[in-house]
Amino acid sequence: MDNPTRRRQQEAPVITPEASEATRERYSTSLTYITMPDTPRKKPAHQCSLTFAQSLRYIETTDTHLAAVSFRTGSPVGEIMFNPRNCQNVDLLPFAGLTVHEILHIVCGHVNMFDFPFRKKYPELWAIAVDLVVNQIVEKDGYSLPFGKGILEDEPDLVFEGVTLDNIEKQ
């Protein structure tokens, strides 16, 4: 089975540092929220969030529903990709949770496990499993996630549900 993440990784356009920085600026409010202590949460963000958030290239693309992360083959620099059409419908707090969700895929090593046998054999179960892992961390740390109806511009009637302990059996 073709792996769309690996295909994206190999076919990704060349992104200039200027373009990456411009996209990073667009999402700077979310990044500030996740990397600084926040009064409502009463605790600082993830220890690693600032490092990863600052080292990633920021790209806008329609190749993903909301967001994704990847590494170019042979590159130590990761990319976080946002779908601008769908992300514009997400409020700040869930958008910050979405950003943390993607960064946690890097921290947990999920983006580097292309040859993992379970991932190759059951790619959909793999995606559910790794999303369950990171979503539990995101929610435990006080972030919300962008779930609900009308989030996806091209499918406004679709109810976008993240993988949680409450709905894992349905998934």
N, C-alpha and C. Protein backbone atom coordinates (compact mmCIF):
# COMPACT_ATOMS: atom_id res chain seq x y z
N MET A 1 0.84 -1.18 0.00
CA MET A 1 0.00 0.00 0.00
C MET A 1 0.89 1.24 0.00
N ASP A 2 0.53 2.21 -0.81
CA ASP A 2 1.27 3.45 -0.90
C ASP A 2 1.10 4.25 0.38
N ASN A 3 2.17 4.83 0.86
CA ASN A 3 2.13 5.60 2.09
C ASN A 3 2.07 7.09 1.73
N PRO A 4 0.92 7.77 1.92
CA PRO A 4 0.81 9.18 1.52
C PRO A 4 1.77 10.08 2.27
N THR A 5 2.08 9.77 3.53
CA THR A 5 3.01 10.60 4.28
C THR A 5 4.39 10.52 3.66
N ARG A 6 4.83 9.31 3.32
CA ARG A 6 6.15 9.16 2.69
C ARG A 6 6.15 9.83 1.32
N ARG A 7 5.06 9.71 0.56
CA ARG A 7 4.99 10.34 -0.75
C ARG A 7 5.11 11.85 -0.60
N ARG A 8 4.38 12.45 0.36
CA ARG A 8 4.47 13.88 0.62
C ARG A 8 5.88 14.27 0.97
N GLN A 9 6.53 13.41 1.76
CA GLN A 9 7.87 13.69 2.21
C GLN A 9 8.82 13.79 1.03
N GLN A 10 8.69 12.92 0.04
CA GLN A 10 9.60 12.89 -1.08
C GLN A 10 9.25 13.94 -2.12
N GLU A 11 7.98 14.32 -2.26
CA GLU A 11 7.55 15.24 -3.29
C GLU A 11 7.38 16.67 -2.77
N ALA A 12 7.75 16.93 -1.54
CA ALA A 12 7.52 18.25 -0.96
C ALA A 12 8.28 19.31 -1.74
N PRO A 13 7.63 20.45 -1.96
CA PRO A 13 8.31 21.53 -2.68
C PRO A 13 9.44 22.11 -1.85
N VAL A 14 10.36 22.75 -2.51
CA VAL A 14 11.44 23.44 -1.80
C VAL A 14 10.84 24.68 -1.15
N ILE A 15 11.05 24.81 0.14
CA ILE A 15 10.51 25.94 0.90
C ILE A 15 11.67 26.83 1.31
N THR A 16 11.59 28.08 0.94
CA THR A 16 12.65 29.01 1.31
C THR A 16 12.51 29.36 2.79
N PRO A 17 13.61 29.75 3.42
CA PRO A 17 13.50 30.17 4.83
C PRO A 17 12.54 31.35 5.00
N GLU A 18 12.48 32.23 4.02
CA GLU A 18 11.57 33.38 4.10
C GLU A 18 10.11 32.93 4.11
N ALA A 19 9.76 31.98 3.21
CA ALA A 19 8.38 31.48 3.14
C ALA A 19 8.02 30.75 4.43
N SER A 20 8.96 29.97 4.97
CA SER A 20 8.71 29.26 6.22
C SER A 20 8.48 30.25 7.35
N GLU A 21 9.28 31.31 7.40
CA GLU A 21 9.15 32.30 8.46
C GLU A 21 7.83 33.05 8.35
N ALA A 22 7.38 33.34 7.13
CA ALA A 22 6.11 34.04 6.94
C ALA A 22 4.95 33.18 7.43
N THR A 23 5.00 31.88 7.15
CA THR A 23 3.95 30.99 7.62
C THR A 23 4.01 30.85 9.13
N ARG A 24 5.23 30.78 9.69
CA ARG A 24 5.39 30.70 11.14
C ARG A 24 4.75 31.93 11.80
N GLU A 25 4.96 33.11 11.24
CA GLU A 25 4.37 34.33 11.79
C GLU A 25 2.85 34.24 11.83
N ARG A 26 2.26 33.65 10.81
CA ARG A 26 0.80 33.53 10.76
C ARG A 26 0.27 32.72 11.94
N TYR A 27 1.05 31.75 12.39
CA TYR A 27 0.62 30.88 13.48
C TYR A 27 1.30 31.23 14.80
N SER A 28 1.90 32.41 14.88
CA SER A 28 2.69 32.77 16.06
C SER A 28 1.85 32.87 17.33
N THR A 29 0.60 33.27 17.23
CA THR A 29 -0.23 33.36 18.43
C THR A 29 -0.40 31.98 19.05
N SER A 30 -0.64 30.98 18.21
CA SER A 30 -0.76 29.61 18.71
C SER A 30 0.55 29.14 19.32
N LEU A 31 1.65 29.43 18.65
CA LEU A 31 2.95 29.00 19.17
C LEU A 31 3.26 29.66 20.49
N THR A 32 2.93 30.94 20.61
CA THR A 32 3.15 31.63 21.88
C THR A 32 2.34 30.96 22.98
N TYR A 33 1.12 30.60 22.67
CA TYR A 33 0.26 29.96 23.66
C TYR A 33 0.84 28.64 24.15
N ILE A 34 1.37 27.83 23.23
CA ILE A 34 1.85 26.51 23.66
C ILE A 34 3.23 26.55 24.30
N THR A 35 4.00 27.60 24.03
CA THR A 35 5.37 27.61 24.55
C THR A 35 5.54 28.46 25.79
N MET A 36 4.52 29.17 26.20
CA MET A 36 4.61 30.01 27.39
C MET A 36 3.65 29.51 28.46
N PRO A 37 3.96 29.74 29.72
CA PRO A 37 3.00 29.39 30.76
C PRO A 37 1.71 30.17 30.54
N ASP A 38 0.60 29.54 30.84
CA ASP A 38 -0.69 30.15 30.59
C ASP A 38 -1.51 30.17 31.87
N THR A 39 -2.11 31.28 32.19
CA THR A 39 -2.86 31.42 33.43
C THR A 39 -3.98 30.39 33.58
N PRO A 40 -4.85 30.18 32.56
CA PRO A 40 -5.93 29.21 32.77
C PRO A 40 -5.42 27.79 33.04
N ARG A 41 -4.30 27.41 32.42
CA ARG A 41 -3.80 26.06 32.62
C ARG A 41 -2.95 25.96 33.88
N LYS A 42 -2.46 27.07 34.38
CA LYS A 42 -1.68 27.14 35.61
C LYS A 42 -0.38 26.34 35.56
N LYS A 43 0.12 26.08 34.37
CA LYS A 43 1.39 25.37 34.28
C LYS A 43 2.05 25.70 32.95
N PRO A 44 3.37 25.56 32.89
CA PRO A 44 4.05 25.82 31.63
C PRO A 44 3.73 24.74 30.61
N ALA A 45 4.01 25.06 29.37
CA ALA A 45 3.78 24.11 28.28
C ALA A 45 4.81 22.98 28.35
N HIS A 46 4.70 22.07 27.38
CA HIS A 46 5.65 20.96 27.29
C HIS A 46 7.08 21.49 27.29
N GLN A 47 7.96 20.81 27.97
CA GLN A 47 9.37 21.18 28.00
C GLN A 47 9.94 21.26 26.59
N CYS A 48 9.53 20.32 25.74
CA CYS A 48 10.12 20.23 24.40
C CYS A 48 9.41 21.08 23.37
N SER A 49 8.25 21.63 23.67
CA SER A 49 7.46 22.35 22.67
C SER A 49 8.20 23.51 22.06
N LEU A 50 8.85 24.31 22.89
CA LEU A 50 9.54 25.49 22.38
C LEU A 50 10.64 25.10 21.41
N THR A 51 11.45 24.12 21.78
CA THR A 51 12.55 23.68 20.91
C THR A 51 12.02 23.20 19.57
N PHE A 52 11.04 22.31 19.58
CA PHE A 52 10.51 21.78 18.33
C PHE A 52 9.76 22.83 17.54
N ALA A 53 8.97 23.65 18.22
CA ALA A 53 8.20 24.67 17.51
C ALA A 53 9.12 25.65 16.80
N GLN A 54 10.25 25.98 17.40
CA GLN A 54 11.17 26.93 16.79
C GLN A 54 12.01 26.31 15.68
N SER A 55 12.20 25.00 15.70
CA SER A 55 13.07 24.38 14.71
C SER A 55 12.35 23.89 13.46
N LEU A 56 11.02 23.87 13.48
CA LEU A 56 10.26 23.35 12.34
C LEU A 56 10.11 24.39 11.23
N ARG A 57 9.98 23.89 10.01
CA ARG A 57 9.58 24.74 8.89
C ARG A 57 8.05 24.74 8.89
N TYR A 58 7.45 25.87 8.61
CA TYR A 58 6.00 26.00 8.61
C TYR A 58 5.50 26.15 7.18
N ILE A 59 4.57 25.28 6.79
CA ILE A 59 4.11 25.22 5.41
C ILE A 59 2.59 25.20 5.39
N GLU A 60 2.00 25.95 4.47
CA GLU A 60 0.56 25.86 4.24
C GLU A 60 0.35 24.96 3.03
N THR A 61 -0.57 24.00 3.17
CA THR A 61 -0.83 23.04 2.10
C THR A 61 -2.26 22.54 2.21
N THR A 62 -2.80 22.06 1.11
CA THR A 62 -4.12 21.44 1.15
C THR A 62 -3.99 19.92 1.09
N ASP A 63 -2.78 19.40 1.28
CA ASP A 63 -2.54 17.95 1.25
C ASP A 63 -2.93 17.24 2.54
N THR A 64 -3.43 17.96 3.52
CA THR A 64 -3.84 17.37 4.79
C THR A 64 -5.15 18.01 5.22
N HIS A 65 -5.94 17.28 6.05
CA HIS A 65 -7.21 17.84 6.52
C HIS A 65 -6.99 19.08 7.37
N LEU A 66 -6.21 18.95 8.42
CA LEU A 66 -5.93 20.09 9.29
C LEU A 66 -4.44 20.36 9.37
N ALA A 67 -3.68 19.36 9.84
CA ALA A 67 -2.24 19.55 10.03
C ALA A 67 -1.54 18.20 9.97
N ALA A 68 -0.25 18.26 9.72
CA ALA A 68 0.58 17.04 9.69
C ALA A 68 2.02 17.47 9.90
N VAL A 69 2.84 16.50 10.25
CA VAL A 69 4.28 16.74 10.36
C VAL A 69 5.02 15.71 9.53
N SER A 70 6.20 16.08 9.08
CA SER A 70 7.03 15.13 8.34
C SER A 70 8.48 15.61 8.38
N PHE A 71 9.35 14.74 7.95
CA PHE A 71 10.76 15.07 7.77
C PHE A 71 11.11 14.73 6.34
N ARG A 72 11.81 15.62 5.67
CA ARG A 72 12.30 15.30 4.33
C ARG A 72 13.37 14.23 4.45
N THR A 73 13.44 13.36 3.46
CA THR A 73 14.43 12.30 3.46
C THR A 73 15.83 12.90 3.63
N GLY A 74 16.56 12.41 4.63
CA GLY A 74 17.93 12.85 4.86
C GLY A 74 18.06 14.21 5.51
N SER A 75 16.97 14.81 5.94
CA SER A 75 17.04 16.14 6.54
C SER A 75 16.72 16.07 8.03
N PRO A 76 17.49 16.79 8.84
CA PRO A 76 17.17 16.83 10.27
C PRO A 76 16.07 17.84 10.60
N VAL A 77 15.63 18.60 9.60
CA VAL A 77 14.63 19.64 9.84
C VAL A 77 13.24 19.12 9.52
N GLY A 78 12.36 19.22 10.49
CA GLY A 78 10.99 18.78 10.29
C GLY A 78 10.12 19.89 9.72
N GLU A 79 8.97 19.48 9.22
CA GLU A 79 8.02 20.42 8.66
C GLU A 79 6.67 20.19 9.32
N ILE A 80 6.02 21.27 9.68
CA ILE A 80 4.65 21.18 10.15
C ILE A 80 3.79 21.86 9.10
N MET A 81 2.80 21.13 8.63
CA MET A 81 1.97 21.60 7.53
C MET A 81 0.56 21.87 8.05
N PHE A 82 0.02 23.02 7.70
CA PHE A 82 -1.32 23.40 8.07
C PHE A 82 -2.15 23.61 6.82
N ASN A 83 -3.40 23.17 6.84
CA ASN A 83 -4.32 23.45 5.75
C ASN A 83 -4.98 24.79 6.08
N PRO A 84 -4.65 25.85 5.35
CA PRO A 84 -5.16 27.18 5.72
C PRO A 84 -6.68 27.29 5.62
N ARG A 85 -7.30 26.59 4.67
CA ARG A 85 -8.76 26.67 4.53
C ARG A 85 -9.46 26.11 5.76
N ASN A 86 -8.98 24.99 6.27
CA ASN A 86 -9.64 24.35 7.40
C ASN A 86 -9.17 24.92 8.74
N CYS A 87 -7.92 25.32 8.82
CA CYS A 87 -7.42 25.86 10.09
C CYS A 87 -8.02 27.21 10.43
N GLN A 88 -8.49 27.95 9.42
CA GLN A 88 -9.11 29.24 9.71
C GLN A 88 -10.42 29.08 10.48
N ASN A 89 -10.99 27.87 10.46
CA ASN A 89 -12.24 27.61 11.17
C ASN A 89 -12.02 27.09 12.59
N VAL A 90 -10.77 27.04 13.02
CA VAL A 90 -10.43 26.50 14.33
C VAL A 90 -10.05 27.65 15.27
N ASP A 91 -10.69 27.72 16.44
CA ASP A 91 -10.38 28.75 17.42
C ASP A 91 -8.98 28.57 17.99
N LEU A 92 -8.47 29.60 18.66
CA LEU A 92 -7.09 29.60 19.15
C LEU A 92 -6.78 28.41 20.06
N LEU A 93 -7.59 28.13 21.06
CA LEU A 93 -7.24 27.07 22.02
C LEU A 93 -7.19 25.70 21.36
N PRO A 94 -8.19 25.30 20.55
CA PRO A 94 -8.05 24.03 19.85
C PRO A 94 -6.91 24.03 18.84
N PHE A 95 -6.63 25.19 18.25
CA PHE A 95 -5.51 25.25 17.30
C PHE A 95 -4.18 25.03 18.01
N ALA A 96 -4.05 25.58 19.21
CA ALA A 96 -2.85 25.33 20.00
C ALA A 96 -2.74 23.84 20.33
N GLY A 97 -3.87 23.21 20.69
CA GLY A 97 -3.87 21.77 20.95
C GLY A 97 -3.48 20.97 19.72
N LEU A 98 -3.95 21.41 18.55
CA LEU A 98 -3.59 20.76 17.29
C LEU A 98 -2.09 20.86 17.04
N THR A 99 -1.52 22.03 17.30
CA THR A 99 -0.08 22.22 17.11
C THR A 99 0.70 21.33 18.06
N VAL A 100 0.29 21.27 19.32
CA VAL A 100 0.96 20.38 20.29
C VAL A 100 0.82 18.93 19.84
N HIS A 101 -0.36 18.54 19.35
CA HIS A 101 -0.60 17.18 18.85
C HIS A 101 0.45 16.83 17.79
N GLU A 102 0.66 17.71 16.83
CA GLU A 102 1.61 17.43 15.76
C GLU A 102 3.05 17.38 16.28
N ILE A 103 3.39 18.29 17.17
CA ILE A 103 4.74 18.28 17.75
C ILE A 103 4.98 16.99 18.53
N LEU A 104 3.97 16.50 19.22
CA LEU A 104 4.12 15.25 19.98
C LEU A 104 4.37 14.05 19.07
N HIS A 105 3.86 14.07 17.85
CA HIS A 105 4.20 12.99 16.92
C HIS A 105 5.71 12.94 16.66
N ILE A 106 6.35 14.11 16.65
CA ILE A 106 7.80 14.15 16.49
C ILE A 106 8.48 13.65 17.76
N VAL A 107 8.05 14.20 18.89
CA VAL A 107 8.66 13.84 20.19
C VAL A 107 8.57 12.33 20.44
N CYS A 108 7.44 11.74 20.10
CA CYS A 108 7.23 10.30 20.33
C CYS A 108 7.88 9.43 19.26
N GLY A 109 8.45 10.05 18.24
CA GLY A 109 9.13 9.28 17.20
C GLY A 109 8.23 8.68 16.13
N HIS A 110 6.98 9.08 16.09
CA HIS A 110 6.04 8.48 15.14
C HIS A 110 6.40 8.78 13.69
N VAL A 111 7.01 9.93 13.44
CA VAL A 111 7.33 10.31 12.05
C VAL A 111 8.51 9.54 11.49
N ASN A 112 9.27 8.88 12.33
CA ASN A 112 10.45 8.15 11.87
C ASN A 112 10.23 6.64 11.78
N MET A 113 9.03 6.18 11.94
CA MET A 113 8.77 4.74 12.00
C MET A 113 8.15 4.21 10.71
N PHE A 114 8.66 4.63 9.55
CA PHE A 114 8.10 4.19 8.27
C PHE A 114 8.22 2.69 8.07
N ASP A 115 9.28 2.08 8.54
CA ASP A 115 9.51 0.66 8.31
C ASP A 115 8.99 -0.23 9.43
N PHE A 116 8.28 0.35 10.39
CA PHE A 116 7.70 -0.41 11.48
C PHE A 116 6.68 -1.39 10.90
N PRO A 117 6.83 -2.70 11.13
CA PRO A 117 5.95 -3.69 10.48
C PRO A 117 4.46 -3.46 10.69
N PHE A 118 4.06 -3.11 11.91
CA PHE A 118 2.62 -2.87 12.17
C PHE A 118 2.11 -1.71 11.33
N ARG A 119 2.91 -0.65 11.22
CA ARG A 119 2.50 0.52 10.43
C ARG A 119 2.34 0.16 8.95
N LYS A 120 3.24 -0.67 8.45
CA LYS A 120 3.15 -1.09 7.05
C LYS A 120 1.92 -1.95 6.79
N LYS A 121 1.64 -2.88 7.72
CA LYS A 121 0.56 -3.83 7.51
C LYS A 121 -0.82 -3.21 7.80
N TYR A 122 -0.90 -2.35 8.80
CA TYR A 122 -2.18 -1.77 9.22
C TYR A 122 -2.06 -0.24 9.35
N PRO A 123 -1.93 0.48 8.24
CA PRO A 123 -1.70 1.93 8.35
C PRO A 123 -2.83 2.69 9.03
N GLU A 124 -4.07 2.28 8.85
CA GLU A 124 -5.18 2.99 9.49
C GLU A 124 -5.18 2.74 11.00
N LEU A 125 -4.92 1.50 11.42
CA LEU A 125 -4.84 1.21 12.86
C LEU A 125 -3.65 1.93 13.49
N TRP A 126 -2.56 2.02 12.74
CA TRP A 126 -1.38 2.75 13.21
C TRP A 126 -1.76 4.20 13.49
N ALA A 127 -2.45 4.83 12.55
CA ALA A 127 -2.83 6.23 12.71
C ALA A 127 -3.73 6.42 13.93
N ILE A 128 -4.68 5.51 14.12
CA ILE A 128 -5.57 5.58 15.29
C ILE A 128 -4.77 5.43 16.58
N ALA A 129 -3.85 4.47 16.60
CA ALA A 129 -3.06 4.20 17.82
C ALA A 129 -2.19 5.39 18.19
N VAL A 130 -1.46 5.95 17.23
CA VAL A 130 -0.56 7.06 17.57
C VAL A 130 -1.35 8.32 17.91
N ASP A 131 -2.51 8.53 17.26
CA ASP A 131 -3.34 9.68 17.63
C ASP A 131 -3.91 9.51 19.04
N LEU A 132 -4.27 8.31 19.42
CA LEU A 132 -4.76 8.07 20.77
C LEU A 132 -3.68 8.41 21.80
N VAL A 133 -2.46 8.01 21.52
CA VAL A 133 -1.35 8.30 22.44
C VAL A 133 -1.19 9.81 22.61
N VAL A 134 -1.05 10.54 21.50
CA VAL A 134 -0.78 11.97 21.63
C VAL A 134 -1.99 12.75 22.11
N ASN A 135 -3.21 12.34 21.73
CA ASN A 135 -4.39 13.06 22.19
C ASN A 135 -4.57 12.96 23.70
N GLN A 136 -4.20 11.82 24.28
CA GLN A 136 -4.28 11.71 25.75
C GLN A 136 -3.33 12.68 26.42
N ILE A 137 -2.13 12.84 25.86
CA ILE A 137 -1.16 13.78 26.42
C ILE A 137 -1.67 15.21 26.26
N VAL A 138 -2.18 15.53 25.08
CA VAL A 138 -2.70 16.88 24.81
C VAL A 138 -3.80 17.23 25.80
N GLU A 139 -4.77 16.34 25.98
CA GLU A 139 -5.88 16.61 26.89
C GLU A 139 -5.42 16.66 28.35
N LYS A 140 -4.50 15.77 28.73
CA LYS A 140 -4.00 15.75 30.11
C LYS A 140 -3.30 17.07 30.45
N ASP A 141 -2.64 17.66 29.45
CA ASP A 141 -1.93 18.92 29.68
C ASP A 141 -2.82 20.15 29.55
N GLY A 142 -4.14 19.93 29.42
CA GLY A 142 -5.07 21.05 29.48
C GLY A 142 -5.41 21.72 28.17
N TYR A 143 -5.02 21.14 27.06
CA TYR A 143 -5.39 21.70 25.76
C TYR A 143 -6.69 21.07 25.28
N SER A 144 -7.39 21.78 24.42
CA SER A 144 -8.54 21.19 23.74
C SER A 144 -8.10 20.86 22.32
N LEU A 145 -8.90 20.06 21.64
CA LEU A 145 -8.59 19.67 20.26
C LEU A 145 -9.73 20.10 19.35
N PRO A 146 -9.44 20.32 18.08
CA PRO A 146 -10.47 20.81 17.15
C PRO A 146 -11.38 19.71 16.63
N PHE A 147 -12.37 19.32 17.44
CA PHE A 147 -13.33 18.33 17.03
C PHE A 147 -14.67 19.01 16.80
N GLY A 148 -15.49 18.40 15.97
CA GLY A 148 -16.84 18.91 15.80
C GLY A 148 -17.25 19.06 14.35
N LYS A 149 -18.46 19.52 14.14
CA LYS A 149 -19.02 19.68 12.80
C LYS A 149 -18.59 21.02 12.21
N GLY A 150 -18.33 21.02 10.91
CA GLY A 150 -18.05 22.26 10.21
C GLY A 150 -16.61 22.71 10.24
N ILE A 151 -15.72 21.89 10.76
CA ILE A 151 -14.31 22.28 10.79
C ILE A 151 -13.70 22.21 9.39
N LEU A 152 -14.04 21.18 8.64
CA LEU A 152 -13.45 20.99 7.32
C LEU A 152 -14.26 21.73 6.27
N GLU A 153 -13.61 22.69 5.61
CA GLU A 153 -14.30 23.53 4.63
C GLU A 153 -14.88 22.73 3.48
N ASP A 154 -14.14 21.70 3.02
CA ASP A 154 -14.63 20.93 1.87
C ASP A 154 -15.64 19.86 2.27
N GLU A 155 -15.84 19.61 3.54
CA GLU A 155 -16.84 18.66 4.03
C GLU A 155 -17.51 19.23 5.27
N PRO A 156 -18.28 20.34 5.13
CA PRO A 156 -18.83 21.03 6.31
C PRO A 156 -19.82 20.21 7.12
N ASP A 157 -20.43 19.19 6.52
CA ASP A 157 -21.40 18.37 7.25
C ASP A 157 -20.75 17.22 8.00
N LEU A 158 -19.47 17.01 7.78
CA LEU A 158 -18.76 15.93 8.44
C LEU A 158 -18.45 16.32 9.89
N VAL A 159 -18.69 15.41 10.81
CA VAL A 159 -18.30 15.63 12.20
C VAL A 159 -16.88 15.08 12.34
N PHE A 160 -15.94 15.97 12.60
CA PHE A 160 -14.54 15.60 12.71
C PHE A 160 -14.27 15.18 14.15
N GLU A 161 -14.02 13.88 14.36
CA GLU A 161 -13.79 13.35 15.71
C GLU A 161 -12.35 12.91 15.86
N GLY A 162 -11.72 13.36 16.88
CA GLY A 162 -10.39 12.88 17.19
C GLY A 162 -10.48 11.56 17.92
N VAL A 163 -9.36 10.88 17.98
CA VAL A 163 -9.31 9.59 18.67
C VAL A 163 -9.13 9.86 20.16
N THR A 164 -10.11 9.45 20.95
CA THR A 164 -10.03 9.60 22.40
C THR A 164 -10.41 8.28 23.06
N LEU A 165 -10.16 8.18 24.36
CA LEU A 165 -10.54 6.96 25.07
C LEU A 165 -12.05 6.76 25.02
N ASP A 166 -12.81 7.87 24.96
CA ASP A 166 -14.28 7.76 24.94
C ASP A 166 -14.82 7.18 23.64
N ASN A 167 -14.12 7.37 22.52
CA ASN A 167 -14.67 6.89 21.25
C ASN A 167 -13.77 5.88 20.54
N ILE A 168 -12.80 5.31 21.22
CA ILE A 168 -11.85 4.40 20.58
C ILE A 168 -12.54 3.17 20.00
N GLU A 169 -13.57 2.66 20.66
CA GLU A 169 -14.26 1.47 20.12
C GLU A 169 -14.93 1.79 18.80
N LYS A 170 -15.52 2.97 18.67
CA LYS A 170 -16.16 3.37 17.44
C LYS A 170 -15.14 3.53 16.32
N GLN A 171 -13.97 4.08 16.67
CA GLN A 171 -12.91 4.27 15.69
C GLN A 171 -12.45 2.92 15.15
